[in-house]
Amino acid sequence: MARRIATTDRIGRAELVAFLRANRRAVLLTRRAGGAPQMSPVAYGVDGEGRVVVSTYPDRAKAVNLRRDPAASLCILGEDFDDAWVQVDGTAEVIDLPDSVEPLVEYYRSIAGEHPDWDEYRRAMVAQGKSLLRVTITGWGPVATGGFPARLAQD
């Protein structure tokens, strides 16, 4: 049986945004006050300007960390562990109420489509005190898959 060969494909911004829109799971990396990494599994969307958006609460570690240091990295993952993945780096902003309501509407649309009652959704976001993280992408690595190096793939 042939072994799976690892891949690393360099892509442009348009291909990156298409890859991001096709997925919804990521691990977000921020920095704690002492500089140590802090990672959070997140569901994300992509807004109309190609930024990664994440719904959160204002007191979560990721939001607190990003207010202090806006540098963010995300490891974008597929549905299955063996799916392709990519690391994106960027600068994040934390948007709180009341300014977060309409960006949260766009976030919802990017991950789930139309809501049956947008007024209800907006009220729920306010009642829950939701914030939005918005990451402007400044760089990214190749889209990669795991497997054997090509030189070891032959039996």
N, C-alpha and C. Protein backbone atom coordinates (compact mmCIF):
# COMPACT_ATOMS: atom_id res chain seq x y z
N MET A 1 0.84 -1.18 0.00
CA MET A 1 0.00 0.00 0.00
C MET A 1 0.89 1.25 0.00
N ALA A 2 0.56 2.19 -0.84
CA ALA A 2 1.34 3.42 -0.94
C ALA A 2 1.14 4.26 0.32
N ARG A 3 2.19 4.87 0.76
CA ARG A 3 2.13 5.74 1.93
C ARG A 3 1.67 7.13 1.51
N ARG A 4 0.98 7.78 2.42
CA ARG A 4 0.53 9.15 2.17
C ARG A 4 1.75 10.07 2.23
N ILE A 5 1.88 10.93 1.24
CA ILE A 5 3.00 11.85 1.16
C ILE A 5 2.57 13.20 1.73
N ALA A 6 3.41 13.74 2.62
CA ALA A 6 3.14 15.06 3.18
C ALA A 6 3.24 16.12 2.08
N THR A 7 2.42 17.16 2.21
CA THR A 7 2.44 18.24 1.23
C THR A 7 2.58 19.59 1.93
N THR A 8 3.16 20.53 1.23
CA THR A 8 3.20 21.92 1.67
C THR A 8 3.03 22.78 0.42
N ASP A 9 1.86 23.37 0.29
CA ASP A 9 1.53 24.15 -0.90
C ASP A 9 1.47 25.63 -0.56
N ARG A 10 2.34 26.41 -1.19
CA ARG A 10 2.30 27.87 -1.04
C ARG A 10 1.12 28.39 -1.86
N ILE A 11 0.34 29.27 -1.26
CA ILE A 11 -0.85 29.80 -1.94
C ILE A 11 -0.89 31.32 -1.79
N GLY A 12 -1.63 31.97 -2.68
CA GLY A 12 -1.84 33.41 -2.61
C GLY A 12 -3.00 33.74 -1.69
N ARG A 13 -3.23 35.03 -1.50
CA ARG A 13 -4.28 35.49 -0.59
C ARG A 13 -5.67 35.00 -1.00
N ALA A 14 -6.00 35.04 -2.28
CA ALA A 14 -7.34 34.60 -2.71
C ALA A 14 -7.55 33.13 -2.38
N GLU A 15 -6.53 32.30 -2.62
CA GLU A 15 -6.64 30.87 -2.30
C GLU A 15 -6.72 30.67 -0.79
N LEU A 16 -5.98 31.49 -0.03
CA LEU A 16 -6.03 31.40 1.42
C LEU A 16 -7.43 31.69 1.93
N VAL A 17 -8.02 32.78 1.47
CA VAL A 17 -9.36 33.15 1.93
C VAL A 17 -10.37 32.06 1.56
N ALA A 18 -10.24 31.47 0.38
CA ALA A 18 -11.12 30.36 0.00
C ALA A 18 -10.93 29.18 0.95
N PHE A 19 -9.69 28.87 1.31
CA PHE A 19 -9.41 27.78 2.25
C PHE A 19 -10.03 28.10 3.62
N LEU A 20 -9.87 29.34 4.07
CA LEU A 20 -10.44 29.74 5.36
C LEU A 20 -11.95 29.62 5.35
N ARG A 21 -12.59 30.06 4.28
CA ARG A 21 -14.05 30.00 4.20
C ARG A 21 -14.57 28.56 4.16
N ALA A 22 -13.76 27.63 3.71
CA ALA A 22 -14.17 26.23 3.61
C ALA A 22 -14.05 25.49 4.94
N ASN A 23 -13.48 26.13 5.95
CA ASN A 23 -13.27 25.50 7.25
C ASN A 23 -13.85 26.36 8.35
N ARG A 24 -13.95 25.83 9.57
CA ARG A 24 -14.55 26.57 10.67
C ARG A 24 -13.83 26.38 12.01
N ARG A 25 -12.84 25.49 12.07
CA ARG A 25 -12.19 25.18 13.34
C ARG A 25 -10.76 25.66 13.32
N ALA A 26 -10.33 26.18 14.49
CA ALA A 26 -8.96 26.67 14.59
C ALA A 26 -8.51 26.62 16.04
N VAL A 27 -7.22 26.74 16.22
CA VAL A 27 -6.63 26.98 17.54
C VAL A 27 -6.02 28.36 17.46
N LEU A 28 -6.47 29.25 18.33
CA LEU A 28 -6.01 30.63 18.38
C LEU A 28 -4.90 30.74 19.41
N LEU A 29 -3.79 31.35 19.00
CA LEU A 29 -2.65 31.57 19.90
C LEU A 29 -2.55 33.05 20.22
N THR A 30 -2.56 33.36 21.51
CA THR A 30 -2.31 34.71 22.00
C THR A 30 -1.17 34.60 23.02
N ARG A 31 -0.79 35.71 23.60
CA ARG A 31 0.30 35.71 24.59
C ARG A 31 -0.21 36.20 25.94
N ARG A 32 0.15 35.45 26.97
CA ARG A 32 -0.15 35.87 28.33
C ARG A 32 0.73 37.07 28.70
N ALA A 33 0.41 37.72 29.80
CA ALA A 33 1.15 38.91 30.23
C ALA A 33 2.64 38.62 30.39
N GLY A 34 3.00 37.42 30.83
CA GLY A 34 4.40 37.06 31.00
C GLY A 34 5.07 36.60 29.73
N GLY A 35 4.33 36.55 28.63
CA GLY A 35 4.90 36.15 27.35
C GLY A 35 4.64 34.71 26.95
N ALA A 36 4.16 33.89 27.87
CA ALA A 36 3.88 32.48 27.55
C ALA A 36 2.70 32.39 26.60
N PRO A 37 2.68 31.38 25.74
CA PRO A 37 1.55 31.23 24.83
C PRO A 37 0.28 30.81 25.55
N GLN A 38 -0.85 31.25 25.03
CA GLN A 38 -2.16 30.82 25.51
C GLN A 38 -2.93 30.40 24.26
N MET A 39 -3.44 29.17 24.25
CA MET A 39 -4.16 28.65 23.08
C MET A 39 -5.61 28.38 23.42
N SER A 40 -6.47 28.68 22.47
CA SER A 40 -7.91 28.46 22.62
C SER A 40 -8.45 27.80 21.36
N PRO A 41 -9.16 26.67 21.50
CA PRO A 41 -9.88 26.15 20.33
C PRO A 41 -11.06 27.07 20.06
N VAL A 42 -11.26 27.44 18.80
CA VAL A 42 -12.33 28.37 18.45
C VAL A 42 -13.04 27.92 17.17
N ALA A 43 -14.29 28.34 17.05
CA ALA A 43 -15.01 28.32 15.78
C ALA A 43 -14.84 29.71 15.20
N TYR A 44 -14.60 29.80 13.91
CA TYR A 44 -14.35 31.11 13.32
C TYR A 44 -15.12 31.26 12.03
N GLY A 45 -15.22 32.49 11.59
CA GLY A 45 -15.77 32.82 10.29
C GLY A 45 -14.80 33.74 9.57
N VAL A 46 -15.17 34.14 8.37
CA VAL A 46 -14.36 35.08 7.59
C VAL A 46 -15.30 36.20 7.16
N ASP A 47 -14.94 37.44 7.47
CA ASP A 47 -15.82 38.55 7.12
C ASP A 47 -15.62 38.96 5.66
N GLY A 48 -16.36 39.97 5.24
CA GLY A 48 -16.33 40.42 3.86
C GLY A 48 -14.99 40.97 3.40
N GLU A 49 -14.12 41.32 4.34
CA GLU A 49 -12.80 41.84 3.99
C GLU A 49 -11.71 40.78 4.14
N GLY A 50 -12.10 39.52 4.35
CA GLY A 50 -11.13 38.44 4.45
C GLY A 50 -10.45 38.34 5.80
N ARG A 51 -11.03 38.94 6.83
CA ARG A 51 -10.47 38.84 8.18
C ARG A 51 -11.11 37.66 8.91
N VAL A 52 -10.34 37.04 9.77
CA VAL A 52 -10.86 35.95 10.59
C VAL A 52 -11.60 36.57 11.77
N VAL A 53 -12.83 36.08 12.02
CA VAL A 53 -13.65 36.62 13.10
C VAL A 53 -14.08 35.50 14.04
N VAL A 54 -14.06 35.83 15.33
CA VAL A 54 -14.37 34.86 16.39
C VAL A 54 -15.27 35.54 17.41
N SER A 55 -16.35 34.90 17.75
CA SER A 55 -17.25 35.38 18.79
C SER A 55 -16.69 34.95 20.15
N THR A 56 -16.74 35.86 21.13
CA THR A 56 -16.21 35.54 22.46
C THR A 56 -16.87 36.41 23.50
N TYR A 57 -16.42 36.28 24.71
CA TYR A 57 -16.85 37.14 25.81
C TYR A 57 -15.69 38.05 26.19
N PRO A 58 -15.97 39.26 26.64
CA PRO A 58 -14.90 40.23 26.88
C PRO A 58 -13.89 39.84 27.95
N ASP A 59 -14.27 38.93 28.84
CA ASP A 59 -13.37 38.56 29.93
C ASP A 59 -12.62 37.25 29.69
N ARG A 60 -12.77 36.64 28.52
CA ARG A 60 -12.03 35.42 28.20
C ARG A 60 -10.55 35.74 28.02
N ALA A 61 -9.69 34.78 28.31
CA ALA A 61 -8.24 34.99 28.24
C ALA A 61 -7.82 35.51 26.87
N LYS A 62 -8.40 34.97 25.81
CA LYS A 62 -7.99 35.41 24.46
C LYS A 62 -8.27 36.89 24.25
N ALA A 63 -9.43 37.36 24.72
CA ALA A 63 -9.78 38.77 24.55
C ALA A 63 -8.90 39.65 25.44
N VAL A 64 -8.69 39.24 26.67
CA VAL A 64 -7.84 40.00 27.59
C VAL A 64 -6.43 40.10 27.02
N ASN A 65 -5.89 38.98 26.55
CA ASN A 65 -4.53 38.97 25.99
C ASN A 65 -4.43 39.86 24.76
N LEU A 66 -5.42 39.80 23.88
CA LEU A 66 -5.35 40.57 22.63
C LEU A 66 -5.53 42.07 22.86
N ARG A 67 -6.19 42.44 23.93
CA ARG A 67 -6.27 43.87 24.25
C ARG A 67 -4.87 44.41 24.61
N ARG A 68 -4.09 43.59 25.26
CA ARG A 68 -2.75 43.98 25.69
C ARG A 68 -1.74 43.86 24.56
N ASP A 69 -1.84 42.78 23.79
CA ASP A 69 -0.90 42.49 22.70
C ASP A 69 -1.72 41.94 21.54
N PRO A 70 -1.92 42.72 20.48
CA PRO A 70 -2.82 42.31 19.39
C PRO A 70 -2.25 41.25 18.44
N ALA A 71 -1.04 40.78 18.67
CA ALA A 71 -0.48 39.74 17.79
C ALA A 71 -1.23 38.43 18.02
N ALA A 72 -1.67 37.82 16.92
CA ALA A 72 -2.44 36.58 17.00
C ALA A 72 -1.99 35.63 15.90
N SER A 73 -2.03 34.35 16.20
CA SER A 73 -1.82 33.30 15.20
C SER A 73 -2.94 32.30 15.34
N LEU A 74 -3.34 31.73 14.21
CA LEU A 74 -4.35 30.68 14.23
C LEU A 74 -3.85 29.51 13.41
N CYS A 75 -4.06 28.32 13.94
CA CYS A 75 -3.84 27.09 13.18
C CYS A 75 -5.23 26.67 12.71
N ILE A 76 -5.47 26.83 11.41
CA ILE A 76 -6.78 26.53 10.82
C ILE A 76 -6.81 25.04 10.51
N LEU A 77 -7.82 24.36 11.03
CA LEU A 77 -7.93 22.91 10.90
C LEU A 77 -9.17 22.52 10.11
N GLY A 78 -9.10 21.38 9.45
CA GLY A 78 -10.26 20.83 8.76
C GLY A 78 -11.13 20.02 9.71
N GLU A 79 -12.15 19.39 9.17
CA GLU A 79 -13.06 18.57 9.96
C GLU A 79 -12.36 17.36 10.58
N ASP A 80 -11.48 16.73 9.82
CA ASP A 80 -10.77 15.54 10.28
C ASP A 80 -9.33 15.89 10.62
N PHE A 81 -8.75 15.13 11.53
CA PHE A 81 -7.39 15.41 11.97
C PHE A 81 -6.39 15.36 10.82
N ASP A 82 -6.63 14.49 9.83
CA ASP A 82 -5.70 14.35 8.70
C ASP A 82 -5.92 15.38 7.59
N ASP A 83 -6.90 16.25 7.73
CA ASP A 83 -7.16 17.25 6.69
C ASP A 83 -6.03 18.27 6.60
N ALA A 84 -6.01 19.00 5.51
CA ALA A 84 -5.03 20.07 5.33
C ALA A 84 -5.23 21.13 6.40
N TRP A 85 -4.14 21.85 6.70
CA TRP A 85 -4.18 22.91 7.69
C TRP A 85 -3.24 24.03 7.26
N VAL A 86 -3.41 25.20 7.87
CA VAL A 86 -2.54 26.32 7.58
C VAL A 86 -2.44 27.21 8.82
N GLN A 87 -1.29 27.81 9.02
CA GLN A 87 -1.12 28.80 10.08
C GLN A 87 -1.25 30.18 9.47
N VAL A 88 -2.08 31.02 10.10
CA VAL A 88 -2.17 32.42 9.69
C VAL A 88 -1.76 33.29 10.87
N ASP A 89 -1.10 34.38 10.57
CA ASP A 89 -0.67 35.33 11.59
C ASP A 89 -1.31 36.68 11.29
N GLY A 90 -1.55 37.45 12.33
CA GLY A 90 -2.15 38.75 12.09
C GLY A 90 -2.22 39.62 13.31
N THR A 91 -2.93 40.71 13.12
CA THR A 91 -3.15 41.68 14.18
C THR A 91 -4.64 41.68 14.50
N ALA A 92 -4.94 41.51 15.78
CA ALA A 92 -6.34 41.37 16.20
C ALA A 92 -6.84 42.64 16.88
N GLU A 93 -8.14 42.82 16.76
CA GLU A 93 -8.82 43.85 17.53
C GLU A 93 -9.98 43.18 18.25
N VAL A 94 -10.31 43.70 19.42
CA VAL A 94 -11.43 43.21 20.20
C VAL A 94 -12.52 44.27 20.11
N ILE A 95 -13.68 43.85 19.65
CA ILE A 95 -14.81 44.77 19.48
C ILE A 95 -15.87 44.40 20.52
N ASP A 96 -16.19 45.33 21.38
CA ASP A 96 -17.15 45.11 22.45
C ASP A 96 -18.48 45.79 22.13
N LEU A 97 -19.49 45.47 22.93
CA LEU A 97 -20.79 46.11 22.80
C LEU A 97 -20.68 47.61 23.03
N PRO A 98 -21.45 48.40 22.38
CA PRO A 98 -22.48 48.05 21.41
C PRO A 98 -21.94 47.87 19.99
N ASP A 99 -20.66 48.18 19.80
CA ASP A 99 -20.08 48.12 18.45
C ASP A 99 -19.98 46.71 17.89
N SER A 100 -20.06 45.69 18.75
CA SER A 100 -19.89 44.31 18.28
C SER A 100 -21.15 43.72 17.64
N VAL A 101 -22.31 44.33 17.84
CA VAL A 101 -23.57 43.70 17.41
C VAL A 101 -23.59 43.44 15.90
N GLU A 102 -23.37 44.44 15.09
CA GLU A 102 -23.45 44.22 13.63
C GLU A 102 -22.31 43.33 13.12
N PRO A 103 -21.08 43.47 13.61
CA PRO A 103 -20.05 42.50 13.22
C PRO A 103 -20.40 41.06 13.65
N LEU A 104 -21.10 40.90 14.77
CA LEU A 104 -21.54 39.55 15.17
C LEU A 104 -22.59 39.01 14.21
N VAL A 105 -23.43 39.88 13.66
CA VAL A 105 -24.39 39.47 12.63
C VAL A 105 -23.62 38.94 11.42
N GLU A 106 -22.61 39.69 10.98
CA GLU A 106 -21.80 39.23 9.84
C GLU A 106 -21.08 37.93 10.17
N TYR A 107 -20.58 37.79 11.39
CA TYR A 107 -19.95 36.54 11.84
C TYR A 107 -20.92 35.37 11.69
N TYR A 108 -22.14 35.55 12.22
CA TYR A 108 -23.14 34.48 12.15
C TYR A 108 -23.41 34.11 10.69
N ARG A 109 -23.60 35.11 9.85
CA ARG A 109 -23.86 34.83 8.43
C ARG A 109 -22.71 34.05 7.79
N SER A 110 -21.48 34.36 8.19
CA SER A 110 -20.33 33.69 7.57
C SER A 110 -20.20 32.23 7.97
N ILE A 111 -20.78 31.86 9.11
CA ILE A 111 -20.66 30.46 9.53
C ILE A 111 -21.95 29.67 9.41
N ALA A 112 -23.10 30.37 9.40
CA ALA A 112 -24.37 29.63 9.43
C ALA A 112 -25.43 30.14 8.46
N GLY A 113 -25.15 31.21 7.74
CA GLY A 113 -26.16 31.74 6.82
C GLY A 113 -27.13 32.67 7.52
N GLU A 114 -28.34 32.71 7.04
CA GLU A 114 -29.35 33.63 7.57
C GLU A 114 -29.98 33.09 8.86
N HIS A 115 -30.19 33.98 9.80
CA HIS A 115 -30.86 33.65 11.05
C HIS A 115 -32.37 33.85 10.85
N PRO A 116 -33.21 33.04 11.48
CA PRO A 116 -34.65 33.21 11.28
C PRO A 116 -35.21 34.50 11.88
N ASP A 117 -34.50 35.10 12.84
CA ASP A 117 -34.99 36.33 13.48
C ASP A 117 -33.79 37.16 13.92
N TRP A 118 -33.37 38.09 13.05
CA TRP A 118 -32.18 38.89 13.34
C TRP A 118 -32.36 39.78 14.56
N ASP A 119 -33.55 40.29 14.80
CA ASP A 119 -33.77 41.11 15.98
C ASP A 119 -33.55 40.28 17.25
N GLU A 120 -34.05 39.05 17.24
CA GLU A 120 -33.84 38.15 18.37
C GLU A 120 -32.35 37.87 18.56
N TYR A 121 -31.64 37.62 17.47
CA TYR A 121 -30.20 37.35 17.54
C TYR A 121 -29.46 38.55 18.15
N ARG A 122 -29.78 39.75 17.67
CA ARG A 122 -29.13 40.95 18.20
C ARG A 122 -29.40 41.11 19.70
N ARG A 123 -30.65 40.88 20.12
CA ARG A 123 -30.97 40.97 21.55
C ARG A 123 -30.19 39.94 22.35
N ALA A 124 -30.05 38.74 21.81
CA ALA A 124 -29.30 37.69 22.51
C ALA A 124 -27.83 38.06 22.66
N MET A 125 -27.25 38.66 21.63
CA MET A 125 -25.83 39.05 21.70
C MET A 125 -25.62 40.12 22.77
N VAL A 126 -26.56 41.06 22.85
CA VAL A 126 -26.48 42.11 23.87
C VAL A 126 -26.67 41.49 25.26
N ALA A 127 -27.69 40.64 25.41
CA ALA A 127 -27.96 40.02 26.71
C ALA A 127 -26.78 39.17 27.19
N GLN A 128 -26.08 38.53 26.24
CA GLN A 128 -24.93 37.69 26.60
C GLN A 128 -23.64 38.50 26.75
N GLY A 129 -23.68 39.77 26.36
CA GLY A 129 -22.50 40.62 26.49
C GLY A 129 -21.38 40.23 25.54
N LYS A 130 -21.72 39.77 24.35
CA LYS A 130 -20.73 39.21 23.42
C LYS A 130 -19.82 40.27 22.80
N SER A 131 -18.60 39.83 22.57
CA SER A 131 -17.58 40.61 21.87
C SER A 131 -17.19 39.85 20.61
N LEU A 132 -16.46 40.52 19.74
CA LEU A 132 -15.97 39.89 18.52
C LEU A 132 -14.48 40.16 18.40
N LEU A 133 -13.73 39.11 18.09
CA LEU A 133 -12.32 39.25 17.76
C LEU A 133 -12.22 39.30 16.24
N ARG A 134 -11.45 40.23 15.73
CA ARG A 134 -11.28 40.36 14.29
C ARG A 134 -9.78 40.42 14.00
N VAL A 135 -9.31 39.41 13.24
CA VAL A 135 -7.88 39.28 12.96
C VAL A 135 -7.61 39.66 11.50
N THR A 136 -6.84 40.71 11.31
CA THR A 136 -6.39 41.10 9.98
C THR A 136 -5.13 40.30 9.68
N ILE A 137 -5.18 39.51 8.63
CA ILE A 137 -4.08 38.59 8.31
C ILE A 137 -2.91 39.36 7.71
N THR A 138 -1.73 39.14 8.30
CA THR A 138 -0.51 39.77 7.81
C THR A 138 0.46 38.77 7.18
N GLY A 139 0.23 37.49 7.42
CA GLY A 139 1.10 36.47 6.84
C GLY A 139 0.50 35.09 7.04
N TRP A 140 1.00 34.13 6.27
CA TRP A 140 0.52 32.76 6.39
C TRP A 140 1.57 31.82 5.84
N GLY A 141 1.50 30.60 6.33
CA GLY A 141 2.42 29.56 5.87
C GLY A 141 1.78 28.78 4.74
N PRO A 142 2.43 27.73 4.35
CA PRO A 142 1.83 26.89 3.31
C PRO A 142 0.64 26.10 3.87
N VAL A 143 -0.25 25.72 2.98
CA VAL A 143 -1.29 24.76 3.35
C VAL A 143 -0.60 23.40 3.37
N ALA A 144 -0.70 22.70 4.48
CA ALA A 144 0.06 21.48 4.67
C ALA A 144 -0.84 20.30 4.98
N THR A 145 -0.32 19.13 4.67
CA THR A 145 -0.93 17.87 5.09
C THR A 145 0.17 17.01 5.69
N GLY A 146 -0.23 16.14 6.59
CA GLY A 146 0.72 15.22 7.21
C GLY A 146 1.00 14.04 6.31
N GLY A 147 2.00 13.30 6.69
CA GLY A 147 2.36 12.10 5.94
C GLY A 147 3.87 11.93 5.91
N PHE A 148 4.30 11.00 5.09
CA PHE A 148 5.71 10.71 4.97
C PHE A 148 6.38 11.72 4.03
N PRO A 149 7.65 12.07 4.30
CA PRO A 149 8.39 12.82 3.29
C PRO A 149 8.43 12.01 1.98
N ALA A 150 8.40 12.69 0.86
CA ALA A 150 8.35 11.99 -0.43
C ALA A 150 9.47 10.97 -0.55
N ARG A 151 10.65 11.27 -0.02
CA ARG A 151 11.79 10.34 -0.14
C ARG A 151 11.57 9.04 0.60
N LEU A 152 10.61 9.00 1.54
CA LEU A 152 10.33 7.79 2.31
C LEU A 152 9.02 7.11 1.90
N ALA A 153 8.34 7.67 0.93
CA ALA A 153 7.00 7.19 0.57
C ALA A 153 7.00 5.88 -0.18
N GLN A 154 8.09 5.52 -0.79
CA GLN A 154 8.13 4.27 -1.55
C GLN A 154 8.38 3.09 -0.61
N ASP A 155 7.69 2.01 -0.84
CA ASP A 155 7.89 0.80 -0.03
C ASP A 155 9.19 0.12 -0.40
